[in-house]
């Protein structure tokens, strides 16, 4: 693919991602199981047909199930995104909620193929970044929900260095596309089967309160912090499973009814014992978890809902 082809990708103007700044903080050992991962993200959208078309054609997810006002998408039959229609819903700018959810691809070549698809099919991008720990592409869906598509560099290249070195450099798109033997000739076939929900980045009212909840109550380790502006927390030494920032939401309230917003993110615990231990810590903090059809749900101090499931 030529430089001209890469240049044909539609780059829009979007908010600066906090991962674009250098982050420093001492790594701490969290109490949550190192086998903790993230599951599906649930969003409300204004027009379900429009959103399903976008996530299938632009992002490359497959439709798993559709019912009245509901849609589930993912890869290889595994759900990564749940959409609920609220006709006429407005974007939730200026409130707490989702900054972006991040789809982690298995291989660098997978990210290169996705970037080639974006250039060929004119998928509008907000940015392309090299974070030292990963290479990442940013976009936004029709309701303003942020999306990151990324690939992790091998863990041995960054483990133990997250606090000091996670930053942002311009992504070398030519080097990335160079892993492909030639520009893909066929229509993009979608995200690979090994794609997972790598992390979720939240808009929060206050970073200190967020750290107190995710680190001191849930037990995630604080991997990096940008003062009162952003924090990155993880299980098992990962660079981050949860990001949080106040760029657009300092002191803000949760989205009001009638907005396209985050319904919940999902924390996947390795077993029922670990979930019960986490729920006990939540109760000791003064919050009573709510039972839902998918399992117990809790909220962070900014009102962001977290569904707790078991692998």
C-alpha atoms as a PDB file:
ATOM      1  CA  UNK A   1       0.000   0.000   0.000  1.00  0.00           C
ATOM      2  CA  UNK A   2       1.410   3.366  -0.965  1.00  0.00           C
ATOM      3  CA  UNK A   3       1.680   6.495   1.135  1.00  0.00           C
ATOM      4  CA  UNK A   4      -1.081   7.969  -0.985  1.00  0.00           C
ATOM      5  CA  UNK A   5      -3.308   5.060  -0.111  1.00  0.00           C
ATOM      6  CA  UNK A   6      -2.635   5.529   3.584  1.00  0.00           C
ATOM      7  CA  UNK A   7      -3.356   9.208   3.216  1.00  0.00           C
ATOM      8  CA  UNK A   8      -6.808   8.416   1.902  1.00  0.00           C
ATOM      9  CA  UNK A   9      -7.891   7.265   5.350  1.00  0.00           C
ATOM     10  CA  UNK A  10     -10.349   9.748   6.836  1.00  0.00           C
ATOM     11  CA  UNK A  11      -8.808  11.249   9.991  1.00  0.00           C
ATOM     12  CA  UNK A  12     -11.279  13.331  11.969  1.00  0.00           C
ATOM     13  CA  UNK A  13     -10.654  15.725  14.792  1.00  0.00           C
ATOM     14  CA  UNK A  14     -11.354  14.207  18.171  1.00  0.00           C
ATOM     15  CA  UNK A  15     -10.482  14.717  21.812  1.00  0.00           C
ATOM     16  CA  UNK A  16      -6.872  14.092  22.797  1.00  0.00           C
ATOM     17  CA  UNK A  17      -6.593  10.677  24.343  1.00  0.00           C
ATOM     18  CA  UNK A  18      -4.956  10.727  27.787  1.00  0.00           C
ATOM     19  CA  UNK A  19      -2.744   7.860  26.660  1.00  0.00           C
ATOM     20  CA  UNK A  20      -1.091  10.479  24.449  1.00  0.00           C
ATOM     21  CA  UNK A  21       0.658  11.922  27.484  1.00  0.00           C
ATOM     22  CA  UNK A  22       3.532  10.435  29.418  1.00  0.00           C
ATOM     23  CA  UNK A  23       2.328   8.688  32.543  1.00  0.00           C
ATOM     24  CA  UNK A  24       4.349   8.051  35.675  1.00  0.00           C
ATOM     25  CA  UNK A  25       3.477   6.299  38.915  1.00  0.00           C
ATOM     26  CA  UNK A  26       4.884   3.486  41.016  1.00  0.00           C
ATOM     27  CA  UNK A  27       3.371   0.115  40.188  1.00  0.00           C
ATOM     28  CA  UNK A  28       1.589  -1.489  43.100  1.00  0.00           C
ATOM     29  CA  UNK A  29       0.469  -5.037  43.719  1.00  0.00           C
ATOM     30  CA  UNK A  30      -3.301  -5.402  43.488  1.00  0.00           C
ATOM     31  CA  UNK A  31      -5.449  -7.790  45.462  1.00  0.00           C
ATOM     32  CA  UNK A  32      -7.669  -8.821  42.575  1.00  0.00           C
ATOM     33  CA  UNK A  33      -6.848 -12.128  40.860  1.00  0.00           C
ATOM     34  CA  UNK A  34      -4.167 -11.917  38.185  1.00  0.00           C
ATOM     35  CA  UNK A  35      -6.529 -13.917  35.958  1.00  0.00           C
ATOM     36  CA  UNK A  36      -9.127 -11.142  35.923  1.00  0.00           C
ATOM     37  CA  UNK A  37     -10.098  -9.972  32.429  1.00  0.00           C
ATOM     38  CA  UNK A  38     -12.748  -7.791  30.799  1.00  0.00           C
ATOM     39  CA  UNK A  39     -15.874  -8.901  29.005  1.00  0.00           C
ATOM     40  CA  UNK A  40     -18.589  -7.323  26.914  1.00  0.00           C
ATOM     41  CA  UNK A  41     -19.353  -3.607  27.003  1.00  0.00           C
ATOM     42  CA  UNK A  42     -23.024  -2.595  26.878  1.00  0.00           C
ATOM     43  CA  UNK A  43     -24.062   0.692  25.261  1.00  0.00           C
ATOM     44  CA  UNK A  44     -27.275   2.489  24.456  1.00  0.00           C
ATOM     45  CA  UNK A  45     -27.572   3.876  20.925  1.00  0.00           C
ATOM     46  CA  UNK A  46     -30.001   6.147  19.120  1.00  0.00           C
ATOM     47  CA  UNK A  47     -30.516   4.003  16.016  1.00  0.00           C
ATOM     48  CA  UNK A  48     -29.851   0.281  16.266  1.00  0.00           C
ATOM     49  CA  UNK A  49     -29.768  -0.358  12.503  1.00  0.00           C
ATOM     50  CA  UNK A  50     -27.243   2.442  12.018  1.00  0.00           C
ATOM     51  CA  UNK A  51     -25.049   1.136  14.833  1.00  0.00           C
ATOM     52  CA  UNK A  52     -25.176  -2.480  13.696  1.00  0.00           C
ATOM     53  CA  UNK A  53     -24.162  -1.428  10.189  1.00  0.00           C
ATOM     54  CA  UNK A  54     -21.270   0.596  11.576  1.00  0.00           C
ATOM     55  CA  UNK A  55     -19.924  -2.096  13.871  1.00  0.00           C
ATOM     56  CA  UNK A  56     -20.209  -4.781  11.211  1.00  0.00           C
ATOM     57  CA  UNK A  57     -18.892  -2.858   8.220  1.00  0.00           C
ATOM     58  CA  UNK A  58     -16.487  -0.307   9.721  1.00  0.00           C
ATOM     59  CA  UNK A  59     -15.226  -2.102  12.827  1.00  0.00           C
ATOM     60  CA  UNK A  60     -15.542  -5.692  11.639  1.00  0.00           C
ATOM     61  CA  UNK A  61     -17.589  -7.323  14.392  1.00  0.00           C
ATOM     62  CA  UNK A  62     -20.098 -10.030  13.516  1.00  0.00           C
ATOM     63  CA  UNK A  63     -23.758  -9.960  14.492  1.00  0.00           C
ATOM     64  CA  UNK A  64     -24.407 -12.726  16.996  1.00  0.00           C
ATOM     65  CA  UNK A  65     -28.015 -12.035  17.893  1.00  0.00           C
ATOM     66  CA  UNK A  66     -30.671  -9.442  17.288  1.00  0.00           C
ATOM     67  CA  UNK A  67     -34.025  -8.984  18.987  1.00  0.00           C
ATOM     68  CA  UNK A  68     -36.432  -6.094  19.430  1.00  0.00           C
ATOM     69  CA  UNK A  69     -34.267  -3.063  20.180  1.00  0.00           C
ATOM     70  CA  UNK A  70     -31.250  -5.177  21.101  1.00  0.00           C
ATOM     71  CA  UNK A  71     -28.150  -6.360  19.293  1.00  0.00           C
ATOM     72  CA  UNK A  72     -25.139  -8.434  20.320  1.00  0.00           C
ATOM     73  CA  UNK A  73     -21.900  -8.406  18.350  1.00  0.00           C
ATOM     74  CA  UNK A  74     -18.553 -10.112  18.707  1.00  0.00           C
ATOM     75  CA  UNK A  75     -16.148 -12.546  17.103  1.00  0.00           C
ATOM     76  CA  UNK A  76     -16.345 -16.323  16.707  1.00  0.00           C
ATOM     77  CA  UNK A  77     -19.684 -16.334  18.533  1.00  0.00           C
ATOM     78  CA  UNK A  78     -18.221 -14.597  21.606  1.00  0.00           C
ATOM     79  CA  UNK A  79     -20.042 -11.395  22.558  1.00  0.00           C
ATOM     80  CA  UNK A  80     -17.927  -8.259  22.940  1.00  0.00           C
ATOM     81  CA  UNK A  81     -20.554  -5.550  22.504  1.00  0.00           C
ATOM     82  CA  UNK A  82     -24.207  -5.265  23.520  1.00  0.00           C
ATOM     83  CA  UNK A  83     -26.341  -2.508  22.032  1.00  0.00           C
ATOM     84  CA  UNK A  84     -29.720  -1.290  23.266  1.00  0.00           C
ATOM     85  CA  UNK A  85     -31.761   1.132  21.210  1.00  0.00           C
ATOM     86  CA  UNK A  86     -33.101   4.351  22.716  1.00  0.00           C
ATOM     87  CA  UNK A  87     -34.641   6.129  19.718  1.00  0.00           C
ATOM     88  CA  UNK A  88     -33.485   9.713  19.442  1.00  0.00           C
ATOM     89  CA  UNK A  89     -30.906   9.414  22.224  1.00  0.00           C
ATOM     90  CA  UNK A  90     -28.404  12.259  22.324  1.00  0.00           C
ATOM     91  CA  UNK A  91     -24.623  11.848  22.754  1.00  0.00           C
ATOM     92  CA  UNK A  92     -23.533  11.965  26.402  1.00  0.00           C
ATOM     93  CA  UNK A  93     -20.759  14.555  26.036  1.00  0.00           C
ATOM     94  CA  UNK A  94     -19.990  16.467  29.223  1.00  0.00           C
ATOM     95  CA  UNK A  95     -20.922  13.608  31.537  1.00  0.00           C
ATOM     96  CA  UNK A  96     -19.165  10.641  33.080  1.00  0.00           C
ATOM     97  CA  UNK A  97     -19.328   7.340  31.210  1.00  0.00           C
ATOM     98  CA  UNK A  98     -17.359   5.714  28.420  1.00  0.00           C
ATOM     99  CA  UNK A  99     -14.274   7.341  26.952  1.00  0.00           C
ATOM    100  CA  UNK A 100     -13.517   4.320  24.804  1.00  0.00           C
ATOM    101  CA  UNK A 101     -13.617   0.567  24.829  1.00  0.00           C
ATOM    102  CA  UNK A 102     -10.570  -1.170  23.386  1.00  0.00           C
ATOM    103  CA  UNK A 103     -10.541  -4.237  21.163  1.00  0.00           C
ATOM    104  CA  UNK A 104      -7.244  -6.112  21.444  1.00  0.00           C
ATOM    105  CA  UNK A 105      -6.122  -7.969  18.302  1.00  0.00           C
ATOM    106  CA  UNK A 106      -3.878 -11.043  18.549  1.00  0.00           C
ATOM    107  CA  UNK A 107      -1.146 -10.096  16.053  1.00  0.00           C
ATOM    108  CA  UNK A 108       0.457  -6.995  14.579  1.00  0.00           C
ATOM    109  CA  UNK A 109      -0.558  -8.175  11.120  1.00  0.00           C
ATOM    110  CA  UNK A 110      -4.192  -8.101  12.262  1.00  0.00           C
ATOM    111  CA  UNK A 111      -3.821  -4.425  13.135  1.00  0.00           C
ATOM    112  CA  UNK A 112      -2.152  -3.772   9.773  1.00  0.00           C
ATOM    113  CA  UNK A 113      -5.017  -5.461   7.939  1.00  0.00           C
ATOM    114  CA  UNK A 114      -7.514  -3.368   9.875  1.00  0.00           C
ATOM    115  CA  UNK A 115      -5.642  -0.159   9.021  1.00  0.00           C
ATOM    116  CA  UNK A 116      -5.564  -1.147   5.340  1.00  0.00           C
ATOM    117  CA  UNK A 117      -9.316  -1.707   5.547  1.00  0.00           C
ATOM    118  CA  UNK A 118      -9.803   1.719   7.126  1.00  0.00           C
ATOM    119  CA  UNK A 119      -7.848   3.371   4.316  1.00  0.00           C
ATOM    120  CA  UNK A 120      -9.583   1.474   1.535  1.00  0.00           C
ATOM    121  CA  UNK A 121     -13.096   1.807   2.933  1.00  0.00           C
ATOM    122  CA  UNK A 122     -12.617   5.339   4.275  1.00  0.00           C
ATOM    123  CA  UNK A 123     -13.326   4.553   7.897  1.00  0.00           C
ATOM    124  CA  UNK A 124     -13.003   7.827   9.783  1.00  0.00           C
ATOM    125  CA  UNK A 125     -10.184   7.691  12.350  1.00  0.00           C
ATOM    126  CA  UNK A 126      -9.551  10.064  15.236  1.00  0.00           C
ATOM    127  CA  UNK A 127      -5.922   9.135  15.674  1.00  0.00           C
ATOM    128  CA  UNK A 128      -3.125   6.575  15.336  1.00  0.00           C
ATOM    129  CA  UNK A 129      -0.638   6.196  18.191  1.00  0.00           C
ATOM    130  CA  UNK A 130       2.371   4.262  19.414  1.00  0.00           C
ATOM    131  CA  UNK A 131       2.113   3.879  23.200  1.00  0.00           C
ATOM    132  CA  UNK A 132       5.330   1.845  23.669  1.00  0.00           C
ATOM    133  CA  UNK A 133       3.261  -0.968  25.207  1.00  0.00           C
ATOM    134  CA  UNK A 134       1.008  -1.087  22.144  1.00  0.00           C
ATOM    135  CA  UNK A 135       0.112   0.337  18.759  1.00  0.00           C
ATOM    136  CA  UNK A 136      -3.381   1.787  18.631  1.00  0.00           C
ATOM    137  CA  UNK A 137      -6.000   3.197  16.267  1.00  0.00           C
ATOM    138  CA  UNK A 138      -8.830   5.403  17.522  1.00  0.00           C
ATOM    139  CA  UNK A 139     -12.306   6.013  16.132  1.00  0.00           C
ATOM    140  CA  UNK A 140     -15.803   6.938  17.231  1.00  0.00           C
ATOM    141  CA  UNK A 141     -19.166   5.368  16.455  1.00  0.00           C
ATOM    142  CA  UNK A 142     -22.222   7.330  15.206  1.00  0.00           C
ATOM    143  CA  UNK A 143     -23.312   8.081  18.800  1.00  0.00           C
ATOM    144  CA  UNK A 144     -19.906   9.363  19.867  1.00  0.00           C
ATOM    145  CA  UNK A 145     -18.850   6.213  21.735  1.00  0.00           C
ATOM    146  CA  UNK A 146     -15.063   5.986  21.600  1.00  0.00           C
ATOM    147  CA  UNK A 147     -13.356   2.888  20.209  1.00  0.00           C
ATOM    148  CA  UNK A 148      -9.734   1.788  20.267  1.00  0.00           C
ATOM    149  CA  UNK A 149      -8.397  -1.042  18.130  1.00  0.00           C
ATOM    150  CA  UNK A 150      -4.918  -2.116  19.181  1.00  0.00           C
ATOM    151  CA  UNK A 151      -2.175  -4.706  19.355  1.00  0.00           C
ATOM    152  CA  UNK A 152       0.142  -5.274  22.315  1.00  0.00           C
ATOM    153  CA  UNK A 153       3.868  -5.494  21.874  1.00  0.00           C
ATOM    154  CA  UNK A 154       5.250  -8.685  23.478  1.00  0.00           C
ATOM    155  CA  UNK A 155       4.908  -8.478  27.233  1.00  0.00           C
ATOM    156  CA  UNK A 156       8.615  -8.994  27.828  1.00  0.00           C
ATOM    157  CA  UNK A 157       9.256  -5.720  25.954  1.00  0.00           C
ATOM    158  CA  UNK A 158       7.311  -3.589  28.450  1.00  0.00           C
ATOM    159  CA  UNK A 159       6.591  -5.536  31.632  1.00  0.00           C
ATOM    160  CA  UNK A 160       7.764  -3.579  34.656  1.00  0.00           C
ATOM    161  CA  UNK A 161       8.211  -0.417  32.580  1.00  0.00           C
ATOM    162  CA  UNK A 162       4.617   0.755  32.236  1.00  0.00           C
ATOM    163  CA  UNK A 163       4.807   3.594  34.739  1.00  0.00           C
ATOM    164  CA  UNK A 164       7.976   5.049  33.272  1.00  0.00           C
ATOM    165  CA  UNK A 165       7.493   4.446  29.567  1.00  0.00           C
ATOM    166  CA  UNK A 166       3.814   4.282  28.565  1.00  0.00           C
ATOM    167  CA  UNK A 167       3.489   7.375  26.416  1.00  0.00           C
ATOM    168  CA  UNK A 168       2.546   8.308  22.863  1.00  0.00           C
ATOM    169  CA  UNK A 169       4.646   8.659  19.753  1.00  0.00           C
ATOM    170  CA  UNK A 170       3.379   9.058  16.207  1.00  0.00           C
ATOM    171  CA  UNK A 171       2.491   5.650  14.806  1.00  0.00           C
ATOM    172  CA  UNK A 172       4.711   4.592  11.905  1.00  0.00           C
ATOM    173  CA  UNK A 173       1.912   3.492   9.599  1.00  0.00           C
ATOM    174  CA  UNK A 174       4.270   2.538   6.780  1.00  0.00           C
ATOM    175  CA  UNK A 175       6.193   0.212   9.071  1.00  0.00           C
ATOM    176  CA  UNK A 176       2.925  -1.256  10.350  1.00  0.00           C
ATOM    177  CA  UNK A 177       1.551  -1.827   6.851  1.00  0.00           C
ATOM    178  CA  UNK A 178       4.917  -3.267   5.848  1.00  0.00           C
ATOM    179  CA  UNK A 179       4.119  -6.494   7.710  1.00  0.00           C
ATOM    180  CA  UNK A 180       1.617  -7.264   4.946  1.00  0.00           C
ATOM    181  CA  UNK A 181       3.013  -8.961   1.862  1.00  0.00           C
ATOM    182  CA  UNK A 182       0.796  -6.784  -0.293  1.00  0.00           C
ATOM    183  CA  UNK A 183      -2.320  -4.661   0.121  1.00  0.00           C
ATOM    184  CA  UNK A 184      -5.316  -6.920   0.793  1.00  0.00           C
ATOM    185  CA  UNK A 185      -7.144  -7.560  -2.469  1.00  0.00           C
ATOM    186  CA  UNK A 186     -10.315  -8.978  -0.966  1.00  0.00           C
ATOM    187  CA  UNK A 187     -13.079  -7.287   0.996  1.00  0.00           C
ATOM    188  CA  UNK A 188     -12.182  -7.023   4.675  1.00  0.00           C
ATOM    189  CA  UNK A 189     -13.262 -10.216   6.403  1.00  0.00           C
ATOM    190  CA  UNK A 190     -13.680  -8.745   9.874  1.00  0.00           C
ATOM    191  CA  UNK A 191     -11.836  -8.876  13.172  1.00  0.00           C
ATOM    192  CA  UNK A 192      -9.910 -12.098  13.863  1.00  0.00           C
ATOM    193  CA  UNK A 193     -11.345 -14.810  16.086  1.00  0.00           C
ATOM    194  CA  UNK A 194      -8.840 -14.090  18.850  1.00  0.00           C
ATOM    195  CA  UNK A 195     -10.002 -10.501  19.386  1.00  0.00           C
ATOM    196  CA  UNK A 196     -10.856  -9.725  23.020  1.00  0.00           C
ATOM    197  CA  UNK A 197     -11.932  -6.739  25.104  1.00  0.00           C
ATOM    198  CA  UNK A 198      -8.506  -5.525  26.164  1.00  0.00           C
ATOM    199  CA  UNK A 199      -9.447  -2.564  28.333  1.00  0.00           C
ATOM    200  CA  UNK A 200     -12.113   0.013  29.037  1.00  0.00           C
ATOM    201  CA  UNK A 201     -11.372   3.702  29.479  1.00  0.00           C
ATOM    202  CA  UNK A 202     -13.865   5.660  31.566  1.00  0.00           C
ATOM    203  CA  UNK A 203     -14.785   9.300  31.928  1.00  0.00           C
ATOM    204  CA  UNK A 204     -14.855  10.033  35.657  1.00  0.00           C
ATOM    205  CA  UNK A 205     -15.635  12.959  37.921  1.00  0.00           C
ATOM    206  CA  UNK A 206     -12.466  12.681  40.033  1.00  0.00           C
ATOM    207  CA  UNK A 207      -9.359  10.556  39.569  1.00  0.00           C
ATOM    208  CA  UNK A 208      -8.561  10.268  43.285  1.00  0.00           C
ATOM    209  CA  UNK A 209     -11.984   8.771  44.039  1.00  0.00           C
ATOM    210  CA  UNK A 210     -11.622   6.433  41.078  1.00  0.00           C
ATOM    211  CA  UNK A 211      -8.251   5.145  42.292  1.00  0.00           C
ATOM    212  CA  UNK A 212      -9.645   4.687  45.788  1.00  0.00           C
ATOM    213  CA  UNK A 213     -12.374   2.482  44.346  1.00  0.00           C
ATOM    214  CA  UNK A 214     -10.574   0.441  41.696  1.00  0.00           C
ATOM    215  CA  UNK A 215      -7.328   0.008  43.660  1.00  0.00           C
ATOM    216  CA  UNK A 216      -8.332   0.094  47.314  1.00  0.00           C
ATOM    217  CA  UNK A 217     -11.721  -1.623  47.038  1.00  0.00           C
ATOM    218  CA  UNK A 218     -11.606  -3.818  43.921  1.00  0.00           C
ATOM    219  CA  UNK A 219      -7.885  -4.481  44.171  1.00  0.00           C
ATOM    220  CA  UNK A 220      -6.566  -3.465  40.755  1.00  0.00           C
ATOM    221  CA  UNK A 221      -2.955  -2.294  40.740  1.00  0.00           C
ATOM    222  CA  UNK A 222      -2.258   1.340  39.882  1.00  0.00           C
ATOM    223  CA  UNK A 223       0.076   1.104  36.897  1.00  0.00           C
ATOM    224  CA  UNK A 224       0.407   4.781  35.958  1.00  0.00           C
ATOM    225  CA  UNK A 225      -1.122   8.122  36.874  1.00  0.00           C
ATOM    226  CA  UNK A 226      -1.264  11.569  35.288  1.00  0.00           C
ATOM    227  CA  UNK A 227      -1.771  13.520  38.499  1.00  0.00           C
ATOM    228  CA  UNK A 228      -5.445  14.440  38.959  1.00  0.00           C
ATOM    229  CA  UNK A 229      -6.164  13.956  35.253  1.00  0.00           C
ATOM    230  CA  UNK A 230      -5.941  10.237  34.493  1.00  0.00           C
ATOM    231  CA  UNK A 231      -5.046   6.844  35.927  1.00  0.00           C
ATOM    232  CA  UNK A 232      -4.416   3.372  34.538  1.00  0.00           C
ATOM    233  CA  UNK A 233      -5.108   0.237  36.592  1.00  0.00           C
ATOM    234  CA  UNK A 234      -4.716  -3.453  35.899  1.00  0.00           C
ATOM    235  CA  UNK A 235      -4.735  -7.021  37.135  1.00  0.00           C
ATOM    236  CA  UNK A 236      -1.797  -9.360  36.767  1.00  0.00           C
ATOM    237  CA  UNK A 237       0.759  -6.762  35.723  1.00  0.00           C
ATOM    238  CA  UNK A 238      -0.985  -5.814  32.478  1.00  0.00           C
ATOM    239  CA  UNK A 239      -0.445  -2.217  31.330  1.00  0.00           C
ATOM    240  CA  UNK A 240      -4.104  -1.409  32.014  1.00  0.00           C
ATOM    241  CA  UNK A 241      -7.497  -3.052  32.089  1.00  0.00           C
ATOM    242  CA  UNK A 242      -9.154   0.166  33.264  1.00  0.00           C
ATOM    243  CA  UNK A 243      -8.298   3.717  32.282  1.00  0.00           C
ATOM    244  CA  UNK A 244      -9.977   6.767  33.785  1.00  0.00           C
ATOM    245  CA  UNK A 245      -9.724  10.454  33.002  1.00  0.00           C
ATOM    246  CA  UNK A 246     -11.354  13.800  33.746  1.00  0.00           C
ATOM    247  CA  UNK A 247     -10.604  15.562  30.438  1.00  0.00           C
ATOM    248  CA  UNK A 248     -14.287  15.996  29.614  1.00  0.00           C
ATOM    249  CA  UNK A 249     -15.905  15.079  32.906  1.00  0.00           C
ATOM    250  CA  UNK A 250     -14.223  16.678  35.938  1.00  0.00           C
ATOM    251  CA  UNK A 251     -16.905  17.134  38.584  1.00  0.00           C
ATOM    252  CA  UNK A 252     -19.598  15.930  36.179  1.00  0.00           C
ATOM    253  CA  UNK A 253     -22.660  13.796  36.809  1.00  0.00           C
ATOM    254  CA  UNK A 254     -23.688  10.567  35.051  1.00  0.00           C
ATOM    255  CA  UNK A 255     -25.539  10.877  31.739  1.00  0.00           C
ATOM    256  CA  UNK A 256     -29.225  11.758  32.107  1.00  0.00           C
ATOM    257  CA  UNK A 257     -32.023   9.643  30.626  1.00  0.00           C
ATOM    258  CA  UNK A 258     -32.348   9.996  26.881  1.00  0.00           C
ATOM    259  CA  UNK A 259     -28.631   9.893  26.133  1.00  0.00           C
ATOM    260  CA  UNK A 260     -26.553   7.322  24.268  1.00  0.00           C
ATOM    261  CA  UNK A 261     -24.322   6.115  27.063  1.00  0.00           C
ATOM    262  CA  UNK A 262     -22.420   3.327  28.737  1.00  0.00           C
ATOM    263  CA  UNK A 263     -24.832   0.840  30.298  1.00  0.00           C
ATOM    264  CA  UNK A 264     -22.090  -1.274  31.836  1.00  0.00           C
ATOM    265  CA  UNK A 265     -18.630  -2.695  31.385  1.00  0.00           C
ATOM    266  CA  UNK A 266     -17.946  -6.284  32.448  1.00  0.00           C
ATOM    267  CA  UNK A 267     -15.259  -7.527  34.815  1.00  0.00           C
ATOM    268  CA  UNK A 268     -14.680 -11.268  34.402  1.00  0.00           C
ATOM    269  CA  UNK A 269     -13.396 -13.033  37.522  1.00  0.00           C
ATOM    270  CA  UNK A 270     -11.760 -16.459  37.251  1.00  0.00           C
ATOM    271  CA  UNK A 271     -14.142 -18.245  39.618  1.00  0.00           C
ATOM    272  CA  UNK A 272     -17.047 -17.792  41.997  1.00  0.00           C
ATOM    273  CA  UNK A 273     -14.793 -17.617  45.063  1.00  0.00           C
ATOM    274  CA  UNK A 274     -12.919 -14.629  43.634  1.00  0.00           C
ATOM    275  CA  UNK A 275     -16.187 -12.895  42.787  1.00  0.00           C
ATOM    276  CA  UNK A 276     -17.462 -13.405  46.321  1.00  0.00           C
ATOM    277  CA  UNK A 277     -14.225 -11.992  47.754  1.00  0.00           C
ATOM    278  CA  UNK A 278     -14.579  -8.922  45.563  1.00  0.00           C
ATOM    279  CA  UNK A 279     -18.256  -8.508  46.460  1.00  0.00           C
ATOM    280  CA  UNK A 280     -17.372  -8.687  50.149  1.00  0.00           C
ATOM    281  CA  UNK A 281     -14.875  -5.837  49.705  1.00  0.00           C
ATOM    282  CA  UNK A 282     -17.503  -3.784  47.877  1.00  0.00           C
ATOM    283  CA  UNK A 283     -20.009  -4.343  50.686  1.00  0.00           C
ATOM    284  CA  UNK A 284     -17.419  -3.419  53.309  1.00  0.00           C
ATOM    285  CA  UNK A 285     -16.887  -0.148  51.439  1.00  0.00           C
ATOM    286  CA  UNK A 286     -20.562   0.689  51.991  1.00  0.00           C
ATOM    287  CA  UNK A 287     -22.003  -0.210  48.585  1.00  0.00           C
ATOM    288  CA  UNK A 288     -24.639  -2.908  48.237  1.00  0.00           C
ATOM    289  CA  UNK A 289     -24.298  -4.661  44.853  1.00  0.00           C
ATOM    290  CA  UNK A 290     -27.412  -4.902  42.715  1.00  0.00           C
ATOM    291  CA  UNK A 291     -28.577  -8.172  41.221  1.00  0.00           C
ATOM    292  CA  UNK A 292     -29.215  -8.146  37.475  1.00  0.00           C
ATOM    293  CA  UNK A 293     -29.983 -10.758  34.857  1.00  0.00           C
ATOM    294  CA  UNK A 294     -26.281 -10.984  34.009  1.00  0.00           C
ATOM    295  CA  UNK A 295     -25.047 -11.135  37.603  1.00  0.00           C
ATOM    296  CA  UNK A 296     -24.229  -8.719  40.423  1.00  0.00           C
ATOM    297  CA  UNK A 297     -23.542  -5.136  39.358  1.00  0.00           C
ATOM    298  CA  UNK A 298     -21.675  -2.357  41.144  1.00  0.00           C
ATOM    299  CA  UNK A 299     -20.918   1.296  40.376  1.00  0.00           C
ATOM    300  CA  UNK A 300     -17.742   3.310  40.596  1.00  0.00           C
ATOM    301  CA  UNK A 301     -17.852   6.714  42.360  1.00  0.00           C
ATOM    302  CA  UNK A 302     -18.739   8.395  39.035  1.00  0.00           C
ATOM    303  CA  UNK A 303     -21.777   6.180  38.499  1.00  0.00           C
ATOM    304  CA  UNK A 304     -20.217   3.907  35.870  1.00  0.00           C
ATOM    305  CA  UNK A 305     -21.791   0.460  36.133  1.00  0.00           C
ATOM    306  CA  UNK A 306     -19.664  -2.694  36.267  1.00  0.00           C
ATOM    307  CA  UNK A 307     -21.146  -6.156  35.797  1.00  0.00           C
ATOM    308  CA  UNK A 308     -19.267  -8.909  37.663  1.00  0.00           C
ATOM    309  CA  UNK A 309     -19.231 -12.252  35.884  1.00  0.00           C
ATOM    310  CA  UNK A 310     -17.285 -15.516  36.174  1.00  0.00           C
ATOM    311  CA  UNK A 311     -15.232 -17.075  33.400  1.00  0.00           C
END
